[in-house]
Protein backbone atom coordinates (compact mmCIF):
# COMPACT_ATOMS: atom_id res chain seq x y z
CA MET A 1 11.34 -74.20 6.40
CA PRO A 2 10.84 -77.66 4.91
CA ILE A 3 12.56 -80.55 6.70
CA GLU A 4 14.98 -82.36 4.35
CA GLN A 5 16.15 -85.90 4.38
CA PRO A 6 18.85 -86.01 7.05
CA THR A 7 22.49 -85.99 5.79
CA ILE A 8 25.75 -87.00 7.49
CA GLU A 9 29.14 -85.66 6.47
CA LYS A 10 32.59 -85.70 7.97
CA VAL A 11 33.86 -82.28 9.07
CA ALA A 12 36.40 -80.60 11.29
CA TYR A 13 35.03 -78.74 14.31
CA GLY A 14 36.42 -76.96 17.34
CA GLY A 15 39.96 -77.98 16.51
CA TRP A 16 39.11 -81.70 16.17
CA PRO A 17 39.69 -83.04 12.64
CA ASN A 18 37.40 -86.09 12.85
CA CYS A 19 33.85 -84.97 13.50
CA TYR A 20 30.55 -85.70 11.88
CA ARG A 21 27.76 -83.24 11.03
CA LEU A 22 24.20 -84.44 10.97
CA SER A 23 21.61 -82.08 9.43
CA ASN A 24 17.98 -82.09 8.30
CA GLY A 25 18.24 -78.78 6.44
CA GLU A 26 17.00 -76.72 9.40
CA SER A 27 19.17 -77.73 12.35
CA GLU A 28 22.45 -79.58 12.78
CA LEU A 29 24.30 -81.72 15.31
CA ILE A 30 28.08 -82.20 15.48
CA VAL A 31 29.70 -85.11 17.17
CA THR A 32 33.44 -85.71 17.53
CA THR A 33 35.23 -89.04 17.25
CA ASP A 34 38.58 -87.70 18.58
CA VAL A 35 37.19 -87.82 22.11
CA GLY A 36 33.91 -88.94 23.61
CA PRO A 37 31.31 -90.02 23.06
CA ARG A 38 30.17 -86.38 22.91
CA VAL A 39 27.62 -84.33 20.99
CA MET A 40 29.36 -80.96 20.85
CA ARG A 41 26.81 -78.90 18.92
CA TYR A 42 23.12 -78.62 18.43
CA GLY A 43 21.65 -75.58 16.78
CA PHE A 44 19.93 -74.10 13.80
CA ILE A 45 22.07 -73.88 10.72
CA ARG A 46 24.13 -70.68 10.94
CA GLY A 47 22.68 -70.17 14.39
CA GLN A 48 24.02 -70.36 17.88
CA ASN A 49 25.05 -73.59 19.64
CA VAL A 50 22.64 -74.13 22.53
CA PHE A 51 25.34 -76.28 24.21
CA VAL A 52 28.25 -74.62 26.02
CA GLU A 53 31.81 -75.02 24.66
CA ILE A 54 34.69 -74.81 27.10
CA ALA A 55 37.08 -72.87 24.88
CA ASP A 56 40.43 -73.95 26.33
CA GLN A 57 39.47 -77.66 26.16
CA LEU A 58 38.34 -77.74 22.52
CA GLY A 59 40.46 -79.56 20.00
CA ARG A 60 42.36 -81.37 22.73
CA SER A 61 42.59 -85.06 23.62
CA GLY A 62 44.61 -87.46 25.72
CA GLU A 63 44.52 -85.46 28.98
CA PRO A 64 45.29 -87.56 32.09
CA TRP A 65 42.33 -85.95 33.85
CA TRP A 66 38.60 -85.78 33.09
CA ALA A 67 37.88 -82.75 30.90
CA MET A 68 34.53 -80.91 31.04
CA ARG A 69 34.62 -79.70 27.36
CA GLY A 70 30.87 -78.90 27.08
CA GLY A 71 28.22 -80.42 24.85
CA HIS A 72 26.26 -83.56 25.74
CA ARG A 73 27.81 -86.56 27.51
CA LEU A 74 26.97 -89.88 29.14
CA TRP A 75 27.92 -90.64 32.74
CA VAL A 76 26.99 -93.28 35.31
CA ALA A 77 25.04 -92.52 38.45
CA PRO A 78 25.21 -92.24 41.42
CA GLU A 79 28.05 -89.74 41.22
CA VAL A 80 31.15 -91.19 42.80
CA LYS A 81 34.87 -90.75 42.19
CA PRO A 82 36.66 -92.13 40.33
CA ASP A 83 34.01 -94.22 38.50
CA THR A 84 31.71 -91.39 37.32
CA TYR A 85 34.73 -89.36 36.15
CA ALA A 86 36.24 -92.15 34.03
CA LEU A 87 38.17 -90.48 31.22
CA ASP A 88 36.55 -89.91 27.86
CA ASN A 89 39.56 -88.21 26.34
CA GLY A 90 40.38 -90.75 23.64
CA ALA A 91 39.11 -91.66 20.19
CA VAL A 92 35.78 -93.44 19.71
CA GLN A 93 34.51 -95.71 16.92
CA ALA A 94 31.88 -94.20 14.67
CA SER A 95 29.32 -96.22 12.79
CA VAL A 96 27.06 -94.56 10.19
CA ASP A 97 23.89 -96.38 9.09
CA ASN A 98 20.81 -95.04 7.38
CA GLY A 99 20.97 -91.50 8.83
CA ARG A 100 22.08 -92.59 12.28
CA ILE A 101 25.49 -92.27 13.79
CA SER A 102 26.72 -94.33 16.77
CA LEU A 103 29.77 -93.43 18.84
CA LEU A 104 31.28 -96.35 20.74
CA GLN A 105 33.90 -95.73 23.41
CA PRO A 106 36.66 -98.25 24.20
CA VAL A 107 36.12 -100.17 27.43
CA GLU A 108 36.99 -97.92 30.33
CA PRO A 109 40.00 -99.33 32.23
CA GLU A 110 38.79 -97.59 35.40
CA THR A 111 35.37 -99.32 35.43
CA GLY A 112 35.17 -102.12 32.85
CA LEU A 113 32.19 -100.29 31.30
CA GLN A 114 31.72 -99.33 27.70
CA LYS A 115 29.58 -96.31 26.74
CA GLU A 116 27.81 -95.58 23.48
CA ILE A 117 25.74 -92.60 22.27
CA ALA A 118 23.71 -92.89 19.02
CA VAL A 119 21.96 -89.89 17.41
CA ALA A 120 19.44 -89.74 14.59
CA TYR A 121 16.85 -87.30 13.30
CA ASP A 122 13.23 -88.36 13.57
CA ALA A 123 11.88 -88.01 10.05
CA ALA A 124 8.33 -87.60 11.41
CA ASP A 125 8.85 -84.34 13.36
CA GLY A 126 12.44 -83.13 12.84
CA GLY A 127 13.44 -83.83 16.38
CA VAL A 128 16.39 -85.93 17.50
CA ILE A 129 16.40 -89.37 19.09
CA VAL A 130 19.44 -89.82 21.38
CA THR A 131 20.10 -93.38 22.57
CA HIS A 132 22.61 -94.00 25.40
CA ARG A 133 23.96 -97.41 26.16
CA ILE A 134 26.25 -98.67 28.96
CA SER A 135 27.64 -102.21 28.70
CA ASN A 136 29.39 -104.11 31.45
CA LYS A 137 32.54 -105.67 29.93
CA GLY A 138 33.99 -106.47 33.38
CA GLU A 139 33.78 -109.54 35.54
CA GLN A 140 31.70 -108.08 38.41
CA THR A 141 28.05 -107.00 38.53
CA ARG A 142 27.77 -103.23 38.70
CA ARG A 143 24.82 -101.36 40.20
CA LEU A 144 24.38 -98.14 38.16
CA ALA A 145 22.06 -95.93 36.19
CA PRO A 146 22.64 -94.16 32.92
CA TRP A 147 22.92 -90.39 33.32
CA ALA A 148 22.60 -88.13 30.25
CA LEU A 149 23.86 -84.57 30.77
CA SER A 150 23.39 -81.63 28.37
CA GLN A 151 25.58 -78.63 29.22
CA MET A 152 23.77 -75.49 28.07
CA ALA A 153 25.37 -72.28 26.98
CA LYS A 154 25.62 -69.23 29.28
CA GLY A 155 22.83 -66.74 29.80
CA GLY A 156 19.67 -68.86 29.33
CA THR A 157 16.85 -70.08 31.46
CA GLY A 158 16.14 -73.70 32.40
CA ILE A 159 12.50 -74.78 32.80
CA VAL A 160 11.45 -78.09 34.36
CA ALA A 161 7.90 -79.42 34.25
CA LEU A 162 6.56 -80.87 37.53
CA PRO A 163 4.26 -83.92 37.52
CA ALA A 164 0.60 -83.17 37.14
CA ARG A 165 -0.74 -81.07 39.99
CA GLY A 166 -3.98 -81.73 41.86
CA GLY A 167 -6.01 -80.85 44.88
CA HIS A 168 -5.69 -82.11 48.41
CA SER A 169 -9.03 -83.91 48.30
CA GLU A 170 -8.17 -85.80 45.09
CA GLN A 171 -4.58 -86.79 46.01
CA LEU A 172 -3.70 -87.48 49.59
CA LEU A 173 -0.38 -89.22 49.00
CA PRO A 174 2.79 -87.49 47.72
CA THR A 175 3.37 -87.53 44.00
CA ASN A 176 7.13 -86.95 43.61
CA PRO A 177 10.33 -86.13 45.50
CA LEU A 178 12.13 -82.82 45.31
CA VAL A 179 15.77 -83.48 46.16
CA MET A 180 18.43 -81.15 47.58
CA TRP A 181 22.22 -81.25 47.68
CA ALA A 182 24.27 -79.80 50.48
CA TYR A 183 24.93 -76.66 48.48
CA THR A 184 21.29 -76.23 47.28
CA ASN A 185 19.91 -72.85 48.41
CA PHE A 186 16.35 -72.28 47.31
CA ALA A 187 16.64 -68.66 48.55
CA ASP A 188 19.09 -68.00 45.71
CA LYS A 189 17.64 -65.43 43.27
CA ARG A 190 18.24 -67.70 40.27
CA TRP A 191 15.39 -70.03 41.30
CA LEU A 192 11.74 -69.51 40.57
CA PHE A 193 9.11 -71.97 41.79
CA THR A 194 5.59 -72.05 40.44
CA ARG A 195 2.82 -74.54 40.85
CA LYS A 196 3.65 -76.38 37.64
CA TYR A 197 7.31 -75.55 36.90
CA ILE A 198 10.74 -75.02 38.40
CA VAL A 199 12.82 -72.35 36.71
CA LEU A 200 16.62 -71.94 37.13
CA ARG A 201 18.36 -69.04 35.48
CA GLN A 202 22.02 -69.33 34.33
CA ASP A 203 23.84 -66.19 35.44
CA PRO A 204 27.52 -65.89 34.39
CA ALA A 205 28.12 -63.47 37.32
CA GLU A 206 26.92 -65.98 39.94
CA HIS A 207 29.56 -68.72 40.36
CA SER A 208 28.08 -70.63 43.30
CA PRO A 209 26.48 -73.98 42.23
CA GLN A 210 22.81 -74.73 42.52
CA LYS A 211 21.06 -78.06 41.94
CA THR A 212 17.82 -79.90 42.50
CA GLY A 213 16.23 -83.12 41.30
CA LEU A 214 12.77 -84.65 40.97
CA PHE A 215 10.91 -87.63 39.54
CA ASN A 216 8.38 -87.31 36.77
CA VAL A 217 7.14 -90.27 34.70
CA ASN A 218 6.88 -87.84 31.74
CA THR A 219 10.19 -86.10 32.27
CA ARG A 220 10.28 -82.75 30.35
CA ALA A 221 12.76 -79.87 30.51
CA ALA A 222 13.68 -76.93 28.35
CA TYR A 223 16.33 -74.24 28.00
CA LEU A 224 15.53 -70.83 26.50
CA LEU A 225 18.64 -69.17 25.05
CA GLY A 226 17.72 -65.91 23.44
CA SER A 227 14.74 -66.97 21.30
CA ASP A 228 15.98 -70.52 20.68
CA LEU A 229 14.25 -73.12 22.83
CA PHE A 230 15.89 -76.55 23.40
CA ILE A 231 13.61 -79.31 24.80
CA LYS A 232 14.58 -82.71 26.07
CA ARG A 233 12.16 -85.45 27.14
CA CYS A 234 12.26 -89.01 28.35
CA GLN A 235 9.89 -91.54 29.92
CA ALA A 236 10.63 -92.81 33.41
CA ASP A 237 9.40 -95.94 35.13
CA ALA A 238 7.53 -95.32 38.35
CA ALA A 239 7.98 -98.91 39.49
CA ALA A 240 11.77 -98.91 39.18
CA PRO A 241 14.35 -97.56 41.62
CA TYR A 242 16.20 -94.40 40.61
CA PRO A 243 19.40 -92.77 41.93
CA ASP A 244 19.64 -89.73 44.22
CA PHE A 245 16.46 -90.32 46.25
CA HIS A 246 14.54 -91.41 43.12
CA CYS A 247 15.37 -88.69 40.56
CA SER A 248 14.58 -89.03 36.87
CA PHE A 249 15.76 -85.51 36.23
CA GLU A 250 18.27 -83.06 37.75
CA ILE A 251 19.15 -79.49 36.97
CA PHE A 252 22.41 -77.78 37.87
CA THR A 253 24.03 -74.44 37.25
CA ASN A 254 27.12 -72.41 38.10
CA GLY A 255 28.67 -69.39 36.53
CA ASP A 256 29.89 -71.32 33.45
CA PHE A 257 26.88 -73.31 32.24
CA LEU A 258 23.58 -74.93 33.13
CA GLU A 259 22.94 -78.69 32.90
CA LEU A 260 19.74 -80.53 32.00
CA GLU A 261 20.21 -84.07 33.19
CA THR A 262 17.99 -87.14 32.80
CA LEU A 263 18.56 -90.42 34.55
CA GLY A 264 17.49 -93.99 33.89
CA PRO A 265 16.57 -96.49 36.57
CA LEU A 266 19.19 -98.24 38.68
CA ALA A 267 20.14 -101.65 37.36
CA ASP A 268 22.30 -104.49 38.61
CA LEU A 269 24.31 -104.77 35.41
CA THR A 270 25.75 -108.25 35.13
CA PRO A 271 28.82 -109.03 33.06
CA GLY A 272 27.95 -108.85 29.39
CA ALA A 273 24.65 -106.94 29.99
CA THR A 274 23.67 -103.56 28.56
CA VAL A 275 21.36 -100.83 29.79
CA GLU A 276 19.72 -98.31 27.45
CA HIS A 277 18.36 -94.82 28.04
CA VAL A 278 16.59 -92.75 25.37
CA GLU A 279 16.05 -89.00 25.18
CA ARG A 280 14.13 -87.02 22.57
CA TRP A 281 15.37 -83.54 21.69
CA SER A 282 13.76 -80.72 19.74
CA LEU A 283 14.80 -77.17 18.85
CA HIS A 284 12.33 -74.32 18.33
CA ARG A 285 13.04 -70.83 16.94
CA ASP A 286 11.43 -67.43 17.75
CA VAL A 287 10.23 -68.48 21.19
CA ARG A 288 9.59 -65.49 23.41
CA LEU A 289 8.22 -65.10 26.89
CA ALA A 290 6.64 -61.79 27.84
CA ALA A 291 7.70 -62.64 31.38
CA VAL A 292 9.22 -65.64 33.14
CA SER A 293 6.02 -66.69 34.78
CA GLU A 294 3.85 -69.79 35.01
CA SER A 295 1.17 -68.32 32.73
CA GLU A 296 3.70 -67.44 30.05
CA ILE A 297 5.51 -70.82 30.25
CA GLU A 298 2.17 -72.59 30.08
CA ARG A 299 1.10 -70.51 27.06
CA VAL A 300 4.38 -70.67 25.10
CA VAL A 301 6.41 -73.67 26.25
CA GLU A 302 3.87 -76.24 27.34
CA PRO A 303 2.42 -76.80 23.84
CA LEU A 304 5.97 -77.49 22.60
CA PHE A 305 6.52 -80.03 25.36
CA SER A 306 3.71 -82.06 23.86
CA GLU A 307 4.74 -81.98 20.19
């Protein structure tokens, strides 16, 4: 299907009256300005949303607690309460310019931080460029990292690429961390570890959480939902410090969703300063694995990681 010039229009979605739809004629994104910043939908036109939607939290705003909602959001790492869970339940300012929409949150009273997510289609390949910004509007320097979380719909399979593998004789030093949380259980049947990939399956019947993290300069992850494949990529800086024992990527699941999470480097954000973190998304149709195995992932998914 030919890729059209991207369009932006105001629409209602999920019970929120003030949303925007971005489309290139093949796929669409929907962001809401009634809460956020959030990207609530990404999918093929008339197709499924690859992001989860928490049904009883749609169309609502102004809650005195942090609401999960679903979609894609921006947090700060490392994860601490209350800072990471600063409320994003109010209206955001939308700016539309030349096929790009930016969503700017008011300054958080809990933290003195201001978050922004900007989304635009890449005319060259039909993918999406997602730019995340965190600005320090307070009076104290804050040590933090941007943390971009995509909550994926139930029933799919998360795939994470490991850094390039090699032999013992060629590479004597370690190449990357593999990080565990207290609840991580690699014996859980939802995990699959191969030489080149980590696979984590979302199972609505399994409610216990699972999570791991790693570092990869060329951070790449995917989620296969039916035959729709969502890919997110970002570049990491090997010379910079990262949160959570040096993670540029983390994957999490429970019975309700699976999250693909990228992280930027830790920064000492002085008053008035801004940190930026960029992801690239793509969506691919009719992607089918004969089996969830390294050879099939390498044959089917790996070429799409490089597009």
